[in-house]
Every structure is written in structure tokens, then in C-alpha cells.
Protein backbone atom coordinates (compact mmCIF):
# COMPACT_ATOMS: atom_id res chain seq x y z
CA MET A 1 -18.17 2.22 -21.12
CA ASN A 2 -15.88 0.60 -18.88
CA SER A 3 -13.46 2.48 -16.10
CA PRO A 4 -10.53 2.74 -16.36
CA LEU A 5 -9.07 0.71 -13.82
CA HIS A 6 -11.60 -2.55 -15.43
CA GLU A 7 -9.23 -1.35 -18.48
CA PHE A 8 -5.90 -1.44 -16.71
CA ALA A 9 -6.83 -5.05 -14.52
CA SER A 10 -8.12 -7.30 -17.85
CA ALA A 11 -4.67 -6.74 -18.91
CA TYR A 12 -3.22 -8.85 -16.52
CA LEU A 13 -4.25 -12.14 -16.73
CA GLY A 14 -4.78 -14.69 -13.88
CA HIS A 15 -3.73 -14.37 -10.26
CA GLY A 16 -0.53 -13.62 -8.69
CA LEU A 17 1.71 -10.94 -7.54
CA THR A 18 2.76 -7.37 -9.71
CA GLU A 19 4.66 -4.92 -9.60
CA ILE A 20 3.68 -1.88 -11.30
CA LYS A 21 4.97 2.06 -11.01
CA LEU A 22 3.50 5.11 -9.49
CA LYS A 23 3.51 6.78 -12.68
CA ASP A 24 1.03 3.17 -14.12
CA LEU A 25 -1.51 3.91 -11.43
CA LEU A 26 -1.00 8.23 -12.69
CA ALA A 27 -1.74 7.17 -16.35
CA LEU A 28 -5.28 6.35 -15.89
CA ARG A 29 -5.90 9.40 -14.20
CA SER A 30 -8.71 11.25 -16.45
CA PRO A 31 -7.39 14.24 -18.45
CA ASP A 32 -10.53 16.31 -17.31
CA ASN A 33 -8.91 16.22 -13.69
CA LEU A 34 -4.75 16.77 -14.54
CA LEU A 35 -5.43 20.59 -12.91
CA ARG A 36 -6.67 18.80 -9.88
CA ASN A 37 -4.50 19.90 -6.54
CA LEU A 38 -4.53 18.14 -3.41
CA THR A 39 -4.25 18.81 0.18
CA THR A 40 -1.81 17.27 2.20
CA MET A 41 1.11 17.82 5.47
CA PHE A 42 4.58 17.07 5.36
CA PRO A 43 4.78 13.38 5.74
CA PRO A 44 5.99 12.48 9.46
CA ILE A 45 9.03 11.38 10.01
CA SER A 46 7.98 8.93 12.71
CA ILE A 47 7.29 4.93 12.19
CA GLY A 48 4.58 4.25 11.50
CA SER A 49 2.85 6.36 8.63
CA VAL A 50 2.06 6.98 5.45
CA THR A 51 5.28 8.34 3.16
CA LEU A 52 3.67 10.48 0.19
CA VAL A 53 4.16 7.96 -2.03
CA ASP A 54 2.04 6.24 -0.84
CA GLN A 55 -0.35 9.29 -0.48
CA ILE A 56 -0.07 9.76 -3.94
CA VAL A 57 -1.38 5.68 -5.05
CA LEU A 58 -4.55 5.70 -2.03
CA LEU A 59 -5.74 9.22 -3.93
CA CYS A 60 -4.45 8.23 -7.75
CA LEU A 61 -7.36 4.92 -6.56
CA ASP A 62 -9.68 6.93 -4.66
CA GLU A 63 -10.43 9.34 -7.88
CA LEU A 64 -10.19 6.25 -10.11
CA VAL A 65 -12.99 4.16 -7.61
CA ARG A 66 -15.34 7.15 -6.29
CA PRO A 67 -16.68 5.26 -3.46
CA ASP A 68 -19.33 6.83 -1.91
CA SER A 69 -17.61 4.87 1.61
CA ILE A 70 -14.66 4.73 3.04
CA LEU A 71 -12.95 1.94 5.84
CA GLU A 72 -9.83 2.34 6.99
CA LEU A 73 -8.24 -0.51 9.64
CA GLY A 74 -5.51 1.46 11.83
CA THR A 75 -6.68 5.12 12.70
CA PHE A 76 -2.85 6.00 15.34
CA GLN A 77 -2.92 9.62 14.50
CA GLY A 78 -5.06 10.15 11.66
CA PHE A 79 -3.00 11.42 9.59
CA THR A 80 -4.16 9.12 6.81
CA THR A 81 -7.93 9.48 7.62
CA HIS A 82 -7.18 13.73 7.40
CA LEU A 83 -5.57 12.80 3.77
CA LEU A 84 -8.23 11.31 3.03
CA ALA A 85 -10.89 13.62 4.30
CA LYS A 86 -9.26 16.67 3.21
CA ASN A 87 -8.88 15.38 -0.56
CA SER A 88 -11.92 12.51 -1.62
CA SER A 89 -15.53 13.31 -2.21
CA ALA A 90 -16.37 9.94 -0.41
CA ARG A 91 -19.25 10.61 2.56
CA SER A 92 -18.26 8.21 5.02
CA ILE A 93 -14.82 7.52 6.05
CA TYR A 94 -15.46 4.88 8.61
CA SER A 95 -11.38 4.37 10.44
CA VAL A 96 -11.03 2.09 13.56
CA ASP A 97 -8.48 1.20 15.87
CA LEU A 98 -7.60 -0.52 19.74
CA PRO A 99 -10.24 1.56 22.65
CA PRO A 100 -7.22 3.95 24.48
CA THR A 101 -5.45 3.00 27.46
CA ASP A 102 -3.63 3.92 30.06
CA ARG A 103 -1.34 1.05 30.26
CA VAL A 104 2.46 1.79 29.23
CA LEU A 105 3.62 -0.91 27.14
CA ILE A 106 7.47 -0.14 26.68
CA ASP A 107 8.94 1.91 29.76
CA GLN A 108 11.71 2.40 28.05
CA PRO A 109 11.55 2.10 24.26
CA ASP A 110 14.78 0.60 22.30
CA ALA A 111 15.41 2.40 19.02
CA HIS A 112 16.96 -0.18 17.59
CA LYS A 113 14.19 -2.89 18.47
CA VAL A 114 11.17 -0.25 17.16
CA LEU A 115 12.96 -0.91 13.61
CA GLN A 116 13.87 -4.07 13.63
CA ASP A 117 11.28 -6.05 15.63
CA GLY A 118 7.56 -5.50 14.25
CA ASP A 119 5.59 -6.44 17.72
CA TYR A 120 7.86 -4.17 19.48
CA ASN A 121 7.10 -1.84 16.87
CA ASP A 122 3.38 -1.99 17.00
CA ASN A 123 3.27 -1.79 20.88
CA PHE A 124 5.57 1.29 20.53
CA LEU A 125 3.31 3.15 17.74
CA ARG A 126 0.94 2.13 20.87
CA ASP A 127 2.67 3.36 22.78
CA ILE A 128 2.51 6.51 20.72
CA GLN A 129 -1.39 6.58 20.04
CA ASN A 130 -2.42 6.00 24.00
CA ARG A 131 -0.29 9.21 24.22
CA SER A 132 -1.32 11.86 21.44
CA GLY A 133 -4.30 10.50 20.35
CA GLU A 134 -5.99 11.46 16.96
CA ILE A 135 -3.88 14.54 16.82
CA TYR A 136 -4.04 14.95 12.73
CA LEU A 137 -8.29 14.84 13.24
CA GLY A 138 -7.75 18.19 14.16
CA ALA A 139 -7.12 20.25 12.12
CA LEU A 140 -9.92 19.08 9.98
CA THR A 141 -13.25 21.32 9.54
CA ASP A 142 -16.50 20.77 10.88
CA ALA A 143 -18.07 19.39 7.66
CA GLU A 144 -15.39 17.38 6.89
CA LYS A 145 -15.14 15.90 10.92
CA GLN A 146 -18.50 14.52 9.94
CA ARG A 147 -17.88 12.04 7.52
CA ILE A 148 -15.48 10.18 9.95
CA ARG A 149 -16.83 7.54 12.07
CA LEU A 150 -13.77 6.62 14.16
CA ILE A 151 -14.66 3.00 15.91
CA LYS A 152 -12.98 2.05 19.02
CA GLN A 153 -12.87 -1.55 18.91
CA ASP A 154 -10.62 -4.43 17.97
CA SER A 155 -11.19 -4.88 14.16
CA THR A 156 -10.96 -9.19 14.88
CA GLU A 157 -14.63 -8.63 17.12
CA LEU A 158 -15.88 -6.44 14.98
CA ASP A 159 -18.91 -6.85 12.93
CA PHE A 160 -18.34 -5.13 9.94
CA VAL A 161 -21.85 -5.31 8.09
CA LYS A 162 -23.48 -3.93 11.20
CA SER A 163 -21.00 -0.96 12.57
CA VAL A 164 -19.67 0.04 8.79
CA GLY A 165 -21.96 -1.37 6.31
CA ASN A 166 -21.14 -1.65 2.35
CA ILE A 167 -18.31 0.44 0.74
CA GLU A 168 -15.97 0.58 -1.85
CA PHE A 169 -12.35 1.36 -0.68
CA ALA A 170 -10.67 0.01 2.12
CA PHE A 171 -7.21 1.17 3.66
CA ILE A 172 -5.52 -2.28 6.13
CA ASP A 173 -3.15 -0.52 8.02
CA GLY A 174 -4.25 -2.06 11.52
CA GLY A 175 -2.49 -5.28 13.30
CA HIS A 176 0.50 -6.31 11.28
CA HIS A 177 0.18 -10.50 12.60
CA TYR A 178 -0.67 -12.88 9.95
CA ASP A 179 -4.01 -13.28 11.69
CA VAL A 180 -4.94 -10.27 12.04
CA VAL A 181 -4.65 -9.65 8.50
CA ARG A 182 -6.05 -12.58 7.31
CA SER A 183 -8.93 -11.33 9.60
CA ASP A 184 -9.29 -7.67 8.60
CA THR A 185 -9.16 -8.59 4.50
CA GLU A 186 -11.76 -11.43 4.99
CA LYS A 187 -13.90 -9.25 7.07
CA THR A 188 -13.90 -6.18 4.49
CA LEU A 189 -14.39 -8.84 1.61
CA GLY A 190 -17.82 -9.03 3.09
CA ILE A 191 -18.73 -5.39 2.61
CA LEU A 192 -17.30 -4.39 -0.68
CA LYS A 193 -18.47 -6.11 -3.66
CA GLN A 194 -17.30 -3.67 -5.94
CA GLY A 195 -14.02 -0.85 -5.52
CA VAL A 196 -10.48 -2.18 -4.07
CA ILE A 197 -8.72 -3.24 -1.11
CA VAL A 198 -5.24 -1.60 -0.33
CA TRP A 199 -2.70 -2.44 2.04
CA HIS A 200 -0.03 -0.94 3.86
CA ASP A 201 3.59 -1.73 4.96
CA PHE A 202 3.58 -4.86 1.72
CA ALA A 203 7.32 -5.07 1.78
CA SER A 204 8.42 -3.60 4.96
CA GLY A 205 10.98 -5.20 6.41
CA ILE A 206 9.83 -4.82 9.23
CA HIS A 207 6.23 -6.48 9.44
CA SER A 208 6.60 -9.55 6.83
CA ASP A 209 3.48 -12.02 8.17
CA VAL A 210 1.70 -8.41 5.72
CA THR A 211 3.99 -9.16 2.99
CA ARG A 212 3.91 -13.30 4.02
CA PHE A 213 -0.68 -12.83 3.39
CA LEU A 214 0.10 -11.18 0.22
CA HIS A 215 2.11 -13.94 -1.12
CA GLU A 216 -0.06 -16.62 -0.47
CA ARG A 217 -3.29 -14.93 -1.44
CA SER A 218 -1.38 -14.15 -4.96
CA LYS A 219 -1.77 -17.02 -5.46
CA HIS A 220 -5.64 -17.20 -6.18
CA THR A 221 -5.99 -13.47 -7.52
CA ARG A 222 -4.28 -10.61 -8.09
CA ILE A 223 -2.31 -8.49 -6.41
CA PHE A 224 -0.93 -5.35 -7.48
CA HIS A 225 2.56 -4.14 -5.52
CA VAL A 226 3.20 0.27 -6.30
CA LEU A 227 7.37 -0.48 -6.64
CA GLY A 228 8.41 3.05 -4.24
CA SER A 229 5.34 1.97 -1.97
CA LEU A 230 4.61 0.22 0.89
CA CYS A 231 1.26 -0.23 -0.75
CA ALA A 232 -0.20 -3.30 -2.29
CA PHE A 233 -4.03 -3.45 -3.73
CA GLU A 234 -6.61 -5.48 -5.64
CA LEU A 235 -9.44 -4.74 -7.71
CA ILE A 236 -12.64 -5.84 -6.77
CA GLY A 237 -14.94 -6.73 -9.06
CA LEU A 238 -13.70 -4.07 -11.92
């Protein structure tokens, strides 16, 4: 019997970028799970995290795919890692980010530039991460922490096959330059044969390279953007 995601995808033939509503994903959930609770925290108001709508998109796709292994590119402060560890049944969650450094990239942040300049925004968030570390992982249980492997390495230099292995779910939210997004996507496709890739910051207004990359990719495949979110996704082998 075909999965709900397979039946959903079969309604969209060919390639292109399709906008859907959140309820379109929620409608695919099994009636047996309608009363399922989820565990989350109030979304951070700081730049660089995921909204509540983004969280629901991720958890809905996780529930539909039921991955054994998850790859997250861009740990930042660990909010999404925490969210997945609390709610997903995946046995392994790999989260990749750059090694910490004592170097300060922006001495006196300009709030206007943080909201307008993608490179400046990335450096601003990098400074935050270097100061705080993965603060949201501290609230996890020991059992939840044991399912997480933090990989501190530049994703463009990382051997995904050796360091991660096969996965069924990927969340790409690391470097936002076009070449980095392309590299992260291509490397992810090398270890994901069946499942879903989710990209964050689509149509964000700051990180335009993510949007440009996905528009170009949609010329050859089907990309879905969930309205009201910064999440776009592609179903692989489903």
C-alpha cells in the first residue's frame, strides 16, 4: 500500500515549485495519531531559529517519513536538535556545525544590517553561537542526548558517507551561500535514497541564495513550500 506522502506526491507530476498550506500536510497524518502530543518550547524571538509553524512542518514530515536517522546541517543553539530529540522516534540525530572559535566577527552589531545583509546576519549568529554553545540541549534527558551526535566541521569538507551514513530525513539550515547550499544538498542526496530533504530560510528576504537555489533546482524536480513558513521540502524516492 502506498504511503500518504507517496499518494500526495503523485498528484504533482513533473517538476516545479509548488506552494501548499500547512493543513495539506496535517491532513496526511494517520487518524491514529490525531491525539498525539508534541513537546516544544516557546519559539525564540531571536533571529536564526525556527518559528512555531516551521516546527510543525518538521514534526509533521518526521511523523510521515518515520526516519531511522536524521541529519541536521546548522546546529546553532540546538533548538531544532532539541525539538527532534524530544519528538522523533529516530534512533540517531546527526547535527553538523562549524567548530567553535574565540574570534569575534562583529564587535558592535548593527541591528539594521543584521536584518538586511545575509553575510552580516550569518556572522552575527556565529558570534552568538560561539558565546552560548548548544544551550537548548542542556534540557534533554541523558537518553535523548545519547541519540545525538554533534559534528563540529565545515559541511563542505565533511565526508557525509563516513561521518553520517544513510539517512531518511535532512534539515538543511547551515551556510546560506549558494555554493554551500548546493554542496550541502548534493552531499545529502548521496546518503538519502528515500525520505525527505527540508531547506530552511526559503523566501526569508535575507538569505536570497537559498531561494535562488531552490527555484533553479525546481526546474528539474518538485519542490514544495509550506505557506507561512520558511520551509521548503523535496520528497526523495517516495
